[in-house]
Amino acid sequence: MDTHVAVPDTGSLEGDLRVVVSDTLALWGHPGVARLTRQMYGEAGRDPAVAEIVRTGMRTRMRRSRVVYERAIGRGELSPDADLDLLTDLFAGLVTYRGLLDLPMPDAEEVVHVLLRGFTPA
């Protein structure tokens, strides 16, 4: 994922999230990547060493991408006390759930809107 999902700097949180979400959804759209990821997560449920590799990889990815949120806090787009882990998990959990069950992925624009504004009217 680190090689295929950018850590963008578009000048806005919305723009940065649009890149991250689009890249991630596109990556899951590749059958080989989706298949390998399903196998990896399945094996992680059986093998603690594989589970640790998955956890470490995810922690590394989250640390690397945290700069997106830190810049957004600096610009006043996110509250300084925002739960950045929760914000990240909302998207990562959605993609993992749908990817593991081979369900259709949502539209990137819709995901970004919900992450930033919830389900409130525009």
Protein backbone atom coordinates (compact mmCIF):
# COMPACT_ATOMS: atom_id res chain seq x y z
CA MET A 1 0.00 0.00 0.00
CA ASP A 2 2.84 2.41 0.73
CA THR A 3 4.02 2.22 -2.85
CA HIS A 4 0.57 2.75 -4.36
CA VAL A 5 -1.20 5.15 -1.99
CA ALA A 6 0.30 8.62 -1.98
CA VAL A 7 0.70 10.94 0.98
CA PRO A 8 -0.54 13.99 -0.93
CA ASP A 9 -0.25 17.69 -0.26
CA THR A 10 -3.01 19.32 -2.30
CA GLY A 11 -3.41 22.27 0.07
CA SER A 12 -6.64 21.04 1.65
CA LEU A 13 -7.80 18.11 3.74
CA GLU A 14 -10.60 17.42 1.29
CA GLY A 15 -8.17 17.31 -1.63
CA ASP A 16 -5.72 15.12 0.26
CA LEU A 17 -8.45 12.70 1.30
CA ARG A 18 -9.74 12.58 -2.26
CA VAL A 19 -6.29 11.37 -3.42
CA VAL A 20 -5.88 8.84 -0.60
CA VAL A 21 -9.41 7.46 -1.00
CA SER A 22 -9.17 7.27 -4.80
CA ASP A 23 -5.75 5.56 -4.67
CA THR A 24 -6.92 3.06 -2.06
CA LEU A 25 -10.12 2.16 -3.90
CA ALA A 26 -8.19 1.79 -7.16
CA LEU A 27 -5.71 -0.53 -5.46
CA TRP A 28 -8.51 -2.75 -4.16
CA GLY A 29 -9.88 -2.78 -7.71
CA HIS A 30 -6.94 -4.86 -8.90
CA PRO A 31 -7.98 -8.53 -8.61
CA GLY A 32 -4.47 -9.70 -7.67
CA VAL A 33 -4.14 -7.16 -4.87
CA ALA A 34 -7.61 -7.92 -3.53
CA ARG A 35 -6.98 -11.68 -3.65
CA LEU A 36 -3.59 -11.41 -1.93
CA THR A 37 -5.01 -9.10 0.74
CA ARG A 38 -7.86 -11.52 1.49
CA GLN A 39 -5.34 -14.35 1.83
CA MET A 40 -3.11 -12.26 4.07
CA TYR A 41 -5.96 -11.29 6.40
CA GLY A 42 -7.18 -14.88 6.49
CA GLU A 43 -3.73 -16.10 7.43
CA ALA A 44 -3.44 -13.34 10.06
CA GLY A 45 -6.42 -14.94 11.81
CA ARG A 46 -4.51 -18.21 12.08
CA ASP A 47 -0.91 -17.13 12.50
CA PRO A 48 0.11 -14.60 15.17
CA ALA A 49 3.33 -13.79 13.28
CA VAL A 50 1.37 -12.83 10.15
CA ALA A 51 -1.05 -10.82 12.31
CA GLU A 52 1.89 -8.89 13.73
CA ILE A 53 3.20 -8.18 10.23
CA VAL A 54 -0.22 -6.82 9.25
CA ARG A 55 -0.46 -4.70 12.43
CA THR A 56 3.05 -3.33 11.97
CA GLY A 57 2.39 -2.52 8.33
CA MET A 58 -0.83 -0.70 9.17
CA ARG A 59 0.81 1.25 12.02
CA THR A 60 3.64 2.29 9.70
CA ARG A 61 1.17 3.40 7.04
CA MET A 62 -0.86 5.38 9.58
CA ARG A 63 2.25 7.12 10.95
CA ARG A 64 3.34 7.98 7.42
CA SER A 65 -0.04 9.42 6.46
CA ARG A 66 -0.58 11.32 9.72
CA VAL A 67 1.11 14.34 8.15
CA VAL A 68 -2.07 14.85 6.09
CA TYR A 69 -4.03 15.38 9.31
CA GLU A 70 -1.34 17.44 10.99
CA ARG A 71 -1.34 19.87 8.06
CA ALA A 72 -5.16 20.01 8.22
CA ILE A 73 -4.99 20.87 11.92
CA GLY A 74 -2.46 23.60 11.12
CA ARG A 75 -4.82 25.06 8.49
CA GLY A 76 -7.76 24.95 10.91
CA GLU A 77 -9.61 22.27 8.90
CA LEU A 78 -9.55 19.79 11.78
CA SER A 79 -9.86 20.40 15.48
CA PRO A 80 -6.56 19.95 17.35
CA ASP A 81 -8.27 17.36 19.56
CA ALA A 82 -9.73 15.37 16.63
CA ASP A 83 -9.46 11.61 17.05
CA LEU A 84 -7.21 10.99 14.06
CA ASP A 85 -7.13 7.24 14.64
CA LEU A 86 -10.92 7.13 14.43
CA LEU A 87 -10.94 9.22 11.26
CA THR A 88 -8.43 6.84 9.67
CA ASP A 89 -10.20 3.72 10.95
CA LEU A 90 -13.55 4.82 9.53
CA PHE A 91 -12.13 4.66 6.03
CA ALA A 92 -9.69 1.76 6.50
CA GLY A 93 -12.38 -0.33 8.20
CA LEU A 94 -14.90 0.34 5.44
CA VAL A 95 -12.47 -0.59 2.68
CA THR A 96 -11.20 -3.67 4.48
CA TYR A 97 -14.72 -4.91 5.27
CA ARG A 98 -15.95 -4.47 1.73
CA GLY A 99 -12.73 -5.75 0.23
CA LEU A 100 -12.62 -8.90 2.33
CA LEU A 101 -16.23 -9.73 1.53
CA ASP A 102 -15.86 -8.75 -2.14
CA LEU A 103 -18.61 -6.14 -1.86
CA PRO A 104 -18.82 -3.13 -4.20
CA MET A 105 -16.67 -0.21 -3.12
CA PRO A 106 -18.33 3.18 -2.68
CA ASP A 107 -17.63 6.20 -4.83
CA ALA A 108 -14.53 8.11 -3.67
CA GLU A 109 -16.36 11.45 -3.58
CA GLU A 110 -19.08 9.98 -1.37
CA VAL A 111 -16.52 8.57 1.05
CA VAL A 112 -14.70 11.91 1.34
CA HIS A 113 -17.99 13.73 1.90
CA VAL A 114 -19.04 11.33 4.67
CA LEU A 115 -15.62 11.43 6.35
CA LEU A 116 -15.71 15.22 6.47
CA ARG A 117 -19.41 15.95 6.92
CA GLY A 118 -21.13 12.77 7.97
CA PHE A 119 -24.60 12.18 6.59
CA THR A 120 -25.87 15.70 7.13
CA PRO A 121 -27.52 17.54 4.21
CA ALA A 122 -25.11 19.48 1.98
